[in-house]
N, C-alpha and C. Protein backbone atom coordinates (compact mmCIF):
# COMPACT_ATOMS: atom_id res chain seq x y z
N MET A 1 122.16 -104.71 143.87
CA MET A 1 121.67 -105.63 142.41
C MET A 1 120.43 -105.69 141.58
N GLY A 2 120.55 -104.44 140.13
CA GLY A 2 119.23 -103.79 139.75
C GLY A 2 118.55 -105.43 138.88
N TYR A 3 117.04 -104.87 138.52
CA TYR A 3 116.38 -105.90 137.37
C TYR A 3 117.56 -106.59 136.53
N ARG A 4 117.60 -105.69 135.80
CA ARG A 4 118.63 -106.11 134.92
C ARG A 4 119.85 -106.98 135.11
N SER A 5 120.41 -107.11 135.87
CA SER A 5 121.58 -107.40 135.86
C SER A 5 121.66 -109.08 136.40
N THR A 6 119.67 -109.51 136.97
CA THR A 6 119.51 -110.94 136.58
C THR A 6 118.88 -111.76 136.18
N ALA A 7 119.14 -113.03 136.45
CA ALA A 7 118.61 -114.13 135.59
C ALA A 7 117.14 -113.42 134.72
N LEU A 8 116.10 -113.54 135.50
CA LEU A 8 114.93 -113.09 135.50
C LEU A 8 114.40 -112.04 134.73
N GLY A 9 115.62 -110.75 134.99
CA GLY A 9 115.78 -109.20 133.69
C GLY A 9 116.60 -110.17 132.58
N ALA A 10 117.06 -111.16 132.68
CA ALA A 10 117.87 -111.62 131.42
C ALA A 10 117.24 -112.55 130.44
N LEU A 11 116.10 -113.00 130.83
CA LEU A 11 115.07 -113.36 130.24
C LEU A 11 114.60 -112.46 130.12
N TYR A 12 113.72 -111.34 130.57
CA TYR A 12 112.93 -110.41 130.19
C TYR A 12 112.92 -109.91 129.02
N HIS A 13 114.66 -109.77 128.73
CA HIS A 13 115.25 -108.43 128.07
C HIS A 13 115.14 -109.66 126.27
N PHE A 14 115.89 -111.39 127.01
CA PHE A 14 115.14 -112.31 125.58
C PHE A 14 113.86 -112.17 125.20
N LEU A 15 113.33 -112.07 125.61
CA LEU A 15 111.21 -112.36 125.28
C LEU A 15 111.19 -111.21 124.31
N THR A 16 111.59 -109.54 124.91
CA THR A 16 111.45 -108.65 124.24
C THR A 16 112.00 -108.51 123.35
N LEU A 17 112.91 -109.50 122.06
CA LEU A 17 113.75 -109.07 121.49
C LEU A 17 112.68 -109.66 119.97
N PHE A 18 111.61 -110.95 121.04
CA PHE A 18 110.58 -110.95 119.88
C PHE A 18 109.34 -109.90 119.70
N LYS A 19 108.34 -109.48 118.60
CA LYS A 19 107.90 -108.83 118.47
C LYS A 19 106.06 -108.79 119.30
N GLU A 20 106.13 -110.10 120.48
CA GLU A 20 104.82 -110.34 121.20
C GLU A 20 105.49 -110.33 122.69
N ASP A 21 104.03 -109.64 123.62
CA ASP A 21 104.29 -108.93 124.46
C ASP A 21 104.93 -110.49 125.68
N PRO A 22 106.40 -110.10 126.48
CA PRO A 22 106.88 -110.93 126.98
C PRO A 22 105.70 -112.48 127.94
N MET A 23 104.81 -111.50 128.41
CA MET A 23 104.14 -112.05 129.55
C MET A 23 103.11 -112.95 128.68
N LYS A 24 102.53 -113.02 127.40
CA LYS A 24 102.58 -113.60 126.38
C LYS A 24 103.10 -114.79 125.90
N LEU A 25 104.43 -114.61 125.71
CA LEU A 25 104.94 -115.64 125.10
C LEU A 25 105.84 -116.93 126.36
N PHE A 26 106.06 -115.90 127.97
CA PHE A 26 105.76 -117.12 128.82
C PHE A 26 104.35 -117.78 129.14
N GLY A 27 103.90 -117.22 128.91
CA GLY A 27 102.16 -117.86 128.73
C GLY A 27 102.18 -119.58 128.10
N LYS A 28 102.78 -118.90 126.81
CA LYS A 28 102.30 -120.04 125.63
C LYS A 28 103.81 -120.74 126.38
N PHE A 29 104.97 -120.57 126.61
CA PHE A 29 106.08 -121.48 126.91
C PHE A 29 105.36 -122.88 128.40
N ALA A 30 104.95 -121.27 128.89
CA ALA A 30 103.97 -122.36 130.32
C ALA A 30 102.85 -123.39 129.81
N GLN A 31 102.14 -122.93 128.94
CA GLN A 31 101.09 -123.70 128.55
C GLN A 31 101.84 -125.09 128.05
N ASN A 32 103.27 -124.66 127.13
CA ASN A 32 103.26 -126.19 126.02
C ASN A 32 104.12 -126.62 127.21
N ALA A 33 104.82 -125.85 127.66
CA ALA A 33 105.96 -127.17 129.01
C ALA A 33 105.42 -128.04 129.57
N ALA A 34 104.31 -127.73 130.43
CA ALA A 34 102.97 -128.12 131.11
C ALA A 34 102.05 -130.04 130.67
N ALA A 35 101.98 -129.20 129.31
CA ALA A 35 101.26 -130.31 128.73
C ALA A 35 102.30 -131.25 127.87
N LEU A 36 103.67 -130.65 127.53
CA LEU A 36 104.91 -132.35 127.51
C LEU A 36 105.25 -132.90 128.63
N TRP A 37 105.47 -131.89 130.10
CA TRP A 37 106.10 -132.64 131.02
C TRP A 37 104.68 -134.07 130.70
N ILE A 38 103.06 -134.10 131.25
CA ILE A 38 102.50 -134.28 131.95
C ILE A 38 102.53 -135.73 130.56
N LEU A 39 102.44 -135.48 129.53
CA LEU A 39 102.60 -136.16 127.82
C LEU A 39 103.66 -137.23 128.43
N ASN A 40 104.92 -136.79 128.65
CA ASN A 40 106.21 -137.53 128.53
C ASN A 40 105.99 -138.02 129.91
N VAL A 41 105.37 -137.86 131.32
CA VAL A 41 105.13 -138.77 132.51
C VAL A 41 104.01 -139.57 131.84
N TRP A 42 103.11 -139.67 131.69
CA TRP A 42 102.46 -140.75 131.24
C TRP A 42 102.20 -141.47 130.56
N THR A 43 103.28 -141.61 129.51
CA THR A 43 103.28 -142.16 127.88
C THR A 43 105.28 -142.70 128.52
N LEU A 44 106.37 -142.14 128.15
CA LEU A 44 107.55 -142.62 128.13
C LEU A 44 107.76 -142.83 129.85
N ARG A 45 107.17 -142.35 130.47
CA ARG A 45 108.02 -142.87 131.68
C ARG A 45 107.47 -143.61 132.96
N PHE A 46 106.12 -143.88 131.96
CA PHE A 46 104.69 -144.90 132.72
C PHE A 46 105.14 -145.67 133.22
N ASN A 47 106.34 -146.49 132.90
CA ASN A 47 106.55 -148.02 133.56
C ASN A 47 108.31 -147.73 133.73
N ARG A 48 108.29 -146.52 134.36
CA ARG A 48 110.03 -146.44 134.95
C ARG A 48 110.00 -145.85 136.02
N ASP A 49 111.55 -145.74 136.48
CA ASP A 49 111.47 -145.07 137.97
C ASP A 49 111.86 -144.27 137.76
N THR A 50 112.04 -143.35 138.28
CA THR A 50 112.14 -141.83 138.02
C THR A 50 112.59 -140.74 139.25
N GLY A 51 112.44 -141.20 139.87
CA GLY A 51 113.28 -141.16 141.33
C GLY A 51 111.84 -139.86 142.27
N TYR A 52 111.06 -139.74 141.36
CA TYR A 52 109.64 -138.72 141.40
C TYR A 52 108.44 -139.70 142.42
N ARG A 53 108.95 -141.08 141.95
CA ARG A 53 107.77 -141.45 142.72
C ARG A 53 106.96 -141.76 143.72
N GLY A 54 105.38 -142.02 144.20
CA GLY A 54 105.85 -141.69 146.04
C GLY A 54 106.31 -142.87 146.49
N GLY A 55 106.06 -142.99 147.49
CA GLY A 55 107.04 -143.78 148.87
C GLY A 55 108.35 -144.21 147.73
N ASP A 56 108.22 -145.69 147.93
CA ASP A 56 109.21 -146.79 147.01
C ASP A 56 108.79 -147.31 145.78
N ALA A 57 107.84 -145.95 145.08
CA ALA A 57 107.17 -146.91 143.65
C ALA A 57 108.62 -147.05 142.42
N LYS A 58 108.49 -147.45 142.00
CA LYS A 58 109.26 -147.62 140.24
C LYS A 58 108.75 -147.18 139.05
N ASN A 59 107.36 -147.14 139.76
CA ASN A 59 106.32 -147.09 138.15
C ASN A 59 105.10 -146.31 138.54
N MET A 60 103.88 -146.24 137.35
CA MET A 60 102.99 -145.08 138.14
C MET A 60 102.28 -146.72 138.69
N LYS A 61 102.04 -147.82 138.48
CA LYS A 61 100.78 -148.63 138.94
C LYS A 61 101.20 -149.04 140.04
N GLU A 62 102.36 -148.50 140.92
CA GLU A 62 102.85 -148.83 142.09
C GLU A 62 102.79 -147.66 143.16
N GLU A 63 103.43 -146.39 142.54
CA GLU A 63 103.04 -145.28 143.18
C GLU A 63 101.52 -145.37 143.30
N PHE A 64 100.24 -145.28 142.27
CA PHE A 64 99.33 -145.08 143.14
C PHE A 64 98.17 -146.02 144.22
N ALA A 65 99.50 -147.39 143.77
CA ALA A 65 98.91 -148.67 144.99
C ALA A 65 99.56 -147.38 146.68
N VAL A 66 101.00 -146.94 146.58
CA VAL A 66 101.49 -146.47 147.58
C VAL A 66 100.29 -145.11 147.93
N TYR A 67 99.47 -144.90 147.44
CA TYR A 67 98.64 -143.19 147.16
C TYR A 67 96.80 -143.98 148.11
N GLY A 68 96.91 -145.21 147.68
CA GLY A 68 95.99 -146.41 147.83
C GLY A 68 94.74 -146.37 147.17
N ILE A 69 94.80 -145.64 145.37
CA ILE A 69 94.10 -145.40 144.77
C ILE A 69 94.26 -146.51 143.82
N PRO A 70 92.76 -147.29 142.95
CA PRO A 70 92.83 -148.78 143.10
C PRO A 70 93.30 -148.65 141.50
N GLU A 71 93.71 -149.34 140.92
CA GLU A 71 94.71 -149.12 139.12
C GLU A 71 93.24 -149.08 138.13
N ASN A 72 92.00 -149.01 138.86
CA ASN A 72 91.00 -148.66 137.52
C ASN A 72 91.22 -147.28 137.38
N ALA A 73 90.81 -146.22 139.04
CA ALA A 73 91.43 -144.95 138.71
C ALA A 73 92.60 -144.18 138.03
N MET A 74 93.12 -145.00 138.83
CA MET A 74 95.25 -145.15 137.52
C MET A 74 94.75 -144.20 136.23
N TYR A 75 94.17 -145.31 135.44
CA TYR A 75 93.60 -145.54 133.94
C TYR A 75 92.63 -143.81 133.85
N VAL A 76 91.88 -143.89 134.52
CA VAL A 76 91.03 -142.98 134.67
C VAL A 76 91.81 -141.46 134.77
N VAL A 77 92.82 -141.52 136.01
CA VAL A 77 93.47 -139.67 136.15
C VAL A 77 94.20 -140.12 134.85
N GLY A 78 94.51 -141.34 134.32
CA GLY A 78 95.87 -140.70 133.23
C GLY A 78 94.99 -140.54 132.83
N ALA A 79 94.09 -140.61 131.98
CA ALA A 79 93.38 -140.61 130.27
C ALA A 79 93.00 -138.83 130.45
N THR A 80 92.95 -138.90 131.89
CA THR A 80 92.01 -136.97 132.17
C THR A 80 93.92 -136.47 131.63
N LYS A 81 94.90 -136.54 132.45
CA LYS A 81 95.62 -135.81 131.80
C LYS A 81 96.08 -135.90 131.08
N VAL A 82 96.19 -137.22 130.11
CA VAL A 82 96.93 -136.80 129.00
C VAL A 82 95.38 -135.83 128.17
N GLY A 83 94.20 -136.23 128.48
CA GLY A 83 93.08 -135.20 127.53
C GLY A 83 93.71 -133.99 127.73
N LEU A 84 94.12 -133.63 129.39
CA LEU A 84 93.96 -131.93 129.23
C LEU A 84 95.32 -131.66 129.06
N ALA A 85 96.30 -132.27 128.67
CA ALA A 85 97.92 -131.60 128.27
C ALA A 85 97.91 -131.84 126.58
N THR A 86 96.57 -132.84 125.76
CA THR A 86 96.44 -132.79 124.55
C THR A 86 95.70 -131.01 123.99
N ALA A 87 94.78 -131.13 124.78
CA ALA A 87 94.01 -129.75 124.68
C ALA A 87 94.73 -128.55 125.06
N MET A 88 96.11 -128.22 125.85
CA MET A 88 96.51 -127.60 126.15
C MET A 88 97.49 -127.64 124.44
N LEU A 89 97.79 -128.22 124.28
CA LEU A 89 98.18 -127.72 123.20
C LEU A 89 97.85 -127.59 122.03
N VAL A 90 96.19 -128.61 121.82
CA VAL A 90 95.52 -127.88 120.81
C VAL A 90 95.34 -126.06 121.05
N GLY A 91 95.18 -125.95 122.63
CA GLY A 91 95.03 -124.72 122.58
C GLY A 91 96.44 -123.52 121.27
N ASN A 92 97.06 -124.00 121.24
CA ASN A 92 98.23 -123.49 120.13
C ASN A 92 97.33 -122.85 118.65
N ALA A 93 96.04 -124.32 118.51
CA ALA A 93 95.99 -123.12 117.51
C ALA A 93 93.98 -122.74 116.90
N VAL A 94 93.64 -123.31 118.95
CA VAL A 94 92.55 -123.09 119.22
C VAL A 94 92.61 -122.37 119.71
N PRO A 95 93.11 -121.37 120.21
CA PRO A 95 92.51 -120.29 121.84
C PRO A 95 92.08 -120.37 122.73
N ARG A 96 90.89 -120.47 122.77
CA ARG A 96 89.71 -120.80 123.99
C ARG A 96 89.60 -122.18 124.57
N VAL A 97 90.34 -122.95 124.14
CA VAL A 97 90.96 -124.26 124.82
C VAL A 97 91.86 -124.19 125.75
N THR A 98 92.63 -123.45 125.64
CA THR A 98 93.75 -123.20 126.69
C THR A 98 93.56 -122.94 128.24
N ARG A 99 92.20 -122.46 127.86
CA ARG A 99 92.33 -121.76 129.75
C ARG A 99 91.65 -122.85 130.32
N PRO A 100 90.76 -123.54 130.87
CA PRO A 100 89.94 -124.78 130.67
C PRO A 100 90.87 -126.13 130.89
N ALA A 101 91.82 -125.87 130.04
CA ALA A 101 92.45 -127.45 129.88
C ALA A 101 93.51 -126.91 131.20
N SER A 102 93.82 -125.41 131.20
CA SER A 102 95.53 -125.61 132.47
C SER A 102 94.99 -125.24 133.36
N ILE A 103 93.17 -125.32 133.91
CA ILE A 103 93.16 -124.82 134.95
C ILE A 103 92.90 -126.61 136.16
N GLY A 104 92.46 -127.17 135.11
CA GLY A 104 91.47 -128.74 135.02
C GLY A 104 92.97 -129.28 134.93
N LEU A 105 93.71 -129.10 134.93
CA LEU A 105 95.64 -129.97 134.94
C LEU A 105 96.09 -129.26 136.26
N ALA A 106 95.91 -128.07 136.06
CA ALA A 106 96.14 -127.66 137.65
C ALA A 106 95.68 -127.80 138.91
N ALA A 107 94.23 -128.12 138.58
CA ALA A 107 93.62 -128.95 139.53
C ALA A 107 93.84 -130.56 139.74
N PHE A 108 94.35 -131.11 138.79
CA PHE A 108 94.80 -132.39 139.10
C PHE A 108 96.10 -132.63 139.75
N MET A 109 97.05 -131.26 139.01
CA MET A 109 98.37 -131.61 140.07
C MET A 109 98.03 -130.84 141.66
N VAL A 110 96.92 -130.18 141.87
CA VAL A 110 96.66 -129.89 143.82
C VAL A 110 97.28 -131.40 143.85
N GLY A 111 95.78 -132.24 143.53
CA GLY A 111 95.77 -133.40 143.95
C GLY A 111 96.92 -134.20 144.20
N ALA A 112 97.37 -134.21 142.92
CA ALA A 112 98.96 -135.14 143.21
C ALA A 112 100.44 -134.71 144.21
N ILE A 113 99.98 -132.97 144.40
CA ILE A 113 100.63 -132.68 145.52
C ILE A 113 100.23 -133.15 146.92
N GLY A 114 98.86 -132.94 147.13
CA GLY A 114 97.67 -133.52 148.08
C GLY A 114 98.43 -135.17 148.43
N MET A 115 98.66 -135.64 147.45
CA MET A 115 99.52 -137.56 147.79
C MET A 115 99.95 -137.86 148.19
N HIS A 116 101.54 -136.57 147.52
CA HIS A 116 102.72 -137.01 148.14
C HIS A 116 103.12 -136.57 149.87
N ILE A 117 101.91 -136.07 149.88
CA ILE A 117 101.85 -135.06 151.41
C ILE A 117 101.20 -136.18 151.68
N LYS A 118 100.35 -137.16 151.75
CA LYS A 118 99.71 -137.65 152.71
C LYS A 118 100.55 -139.07 152.93
N ALA A 119 101.13 -139.21 151.15
CA ALA A 119 102.33 -140.19 151.33
C ALA A 119 103.56 -139.92 152.40
N GLY A 120 103.99 -138.92 153.10
CA GLY A 120 104.74 -138.45 153.47
C GLY A 120 106.09 -138.54 152.68
N ASP A 121 105.92 -137.78 151.73
CA ASP A 121 107.34 -137.92 150.56
C ASP A 121 108.04 -136.36 151.16
N PRO A 122 109.59 -136.71 150.95
CA PRO A 122 110.25 -135.29 150.82
C PRO A 122 109.55 -134.19 149.96
N VAL A 123 109.73 -133.38 150.09
CA VAL A 123 109.75 -132.49 148.90
C VAL A 123 109.84 -132.61 147.37
N LYS A 124 111.16 -133.12 147.60
CA LYS A 124 112.13 -133.19 146.15
C LYS A 124 110.72 -134.27 145.53
N GLN A 125 110.51 -135.55 146.16
CA GLN A 125 109.56 -136.06 145.43
C GLN A 125 107.95 -135.56 144.86
N TYR A 126 107.71 -134.37 145.48
CA TYR A 126 106.53 -133.70 144.20
C TYR A 126 106.92 -132.32 143.83
N LEU A 127 108.04 -132.25 143.60
CA LEU A 127 109.10 -131.08 143.15
C LEU A 127 107.73 -130.68 141.68
N PRO A 128 108.72 -132.12 140.48
CA PRO A 128 107.60 -131.85 139.49
C PRO A 128 106.81 -131.87 139.64
N ALA A 129 105.52 -132.08 140.59
CA ALA A 129 103.94 -131.93 140.32
C ALA A 129 103.89 -130.61 140.59
N LEU A 130 104.50 -130.08 141.78
CA LEU A 130 104.93 -128.49 142.04
C LEU A 130 104.77 -127.19 140.79
N SER A 131 105.85 -128.23 140.14
CA SER A 131 106.39 -127.50 138.95
C SER A 131 105.24 -126.76 137.71
N VAL A 132 104.59 -128.45 137.51
CA VAL A 132 103.14 -128.70 136.60
C VAL A 132 102.54 -127.86 136.91
N PHE A 133 102.52 -127.93 138.44
CA PHE A 133 101.29 -127.49 138.56
C PHE A 133 101.74 -125.38 138.80
N THR A 134 102.91 -125.13 138.73
CA THR A 134 102.87 -123.76 138.45
C THR A 134 102.97 -123.48 137.05
N LEU A 135 103.55 -124.23 136.45
CA LEU A 135 103.73 -123.82 134.53
C LEU A 135 101.48 -124.28 134.14
N ALA A 136 101.25 -125.03 134.75
CA ALA A 136 99.23 -124.51 134.07
C ALA A 136 98.92 -123.15 134.93
N THR A 137 99.04 -123.15 136.08
CA THR A 137 98.51 -121.88 136.51
C THR A 137 98.83 -120.79 136.04
N ALA A 138 100.41 -120.66 135.68
CA ALA A 138 100.63 -119.27 134.48
C ALA A 138 99.95 -119.51 133.37
N SER A 139 100.07 -120.71 132.78
CA SER A 139 99.75 -120.47 131.28
C SER A 139 97.83 -119.90 131.66
N ALA A 140 96.93 -120.64 132.13
CA ALA A 140 95.49 -120.27 132.67
C ALA A 140 95.62 -118.96 133.05
N VAL A 141 96.88 -118.64 133.80
CA VAL A 141 96.34 -116.48 134.20
C VAL A 141 96.95 -115.79 133.05
N LEU A 142 97.78 -116.12 131.98
CA LEU A 142 98.70 -115.56 130.93
C LEU A 142 98.15 -115.37 129.55
N ASN A 143 97.11 -116.65 129.68
CA ASN A 143 96.87 -116.71 127.98
C ASN A 143 95.68 -116.47 127.83
N GLY A 144 94.55 -116.22 128.50
CA GLY A 144 93.37 -116.06 128.96
C GLY A 144 91.97 -116.48 127.93
N ASP A 145 91.29 -115.49 127.54
CA ASP A 145 89.62 -116.69 126.45
C ASP A 145 89.72 -116.21 125.23
N HIS A 146 91.00 -114.91 125.32
CA HIS A 146 91.64 -115.18 123.33
C HIS A 146 90.05 -114.18 122.49
N ARG A 147 88.50 -113.91 123.18
CA ARG A 147 87.38 -114.01 122.09
C ARG A 147 88.24 -112.12 122.09
N GLU A 148 87.54 -112.65 120.28
CA GLU A 148 87.82 -111.70 119.64
C GLU A 148 86.65 -110.60 120.63
N VAL A 149 86.69 -108.96 119.93
CA VAL A 149 85.64 -108.07 120.59
C VAL A 149 85.45 -107.70 119.26
N ALA A 150 83.94 -107.53 119.04
CA ALA A 150 83.90 -107.11 117.74
C ALA A 150 83.75 -106.06 117.59
N PRO A 151 83.88 -104.87 116.93
CA PRO A 151 83.83 -103.26 116.57
C PRO A 151 82.87 -103.17 117.04
N GLU A 152 82.93 -101.72 117.45
CA GLU A 152 81.88 -100.91 118.35
C GLU A 152 81.05 -100.71 116.80
N GLY A 153 79.31 -101.16 117.47
CA GLY A 153 78.99 -101.27 116.55
C GLY A 153 78.59 -102.94 115.45
N GLN A 154 78.73 -103.53 115.70
CA GLN A 154 78.37 -104.84 115.32
C GLN A 154 78.67 -106.35 116.25
N GLN A 155 77.66 -106.98 116.02
CA GLN A 155 77.88 -107.63 117.10
C GLN A 155 78.35 -109.39 116.64
């Protein structure tokens, strides 16, 4: 079974239909998917049981309590994650903010994964954090810093 017959091959073929480099398109997809995922979790799902919360938590406050993190720190973490996710979306118009915001979000997701492991959660419960980490990392790697290179002889 060759590369072209796999789902990845089909995705690659689909992306080549656009005039952009497929990896650049995937980087943009990862950037926006990670940002929207975080905004969803910290706004629409903040007080909801998702099945992915640490321990037996039914909402964000209970989840942070499972990890032994005080409520005020939860708000700082949330504001930072929402800020990074917003910066990643702003990166669609101002590309130079994408990489730092993506790296910051990926670092926070390493912390989230660590908290799940510390709490003894099964992989299913931290699969979303692992997914967002992967998307944010792909965004950081594939989006570059987008600095314009001046033509030779110009500064």
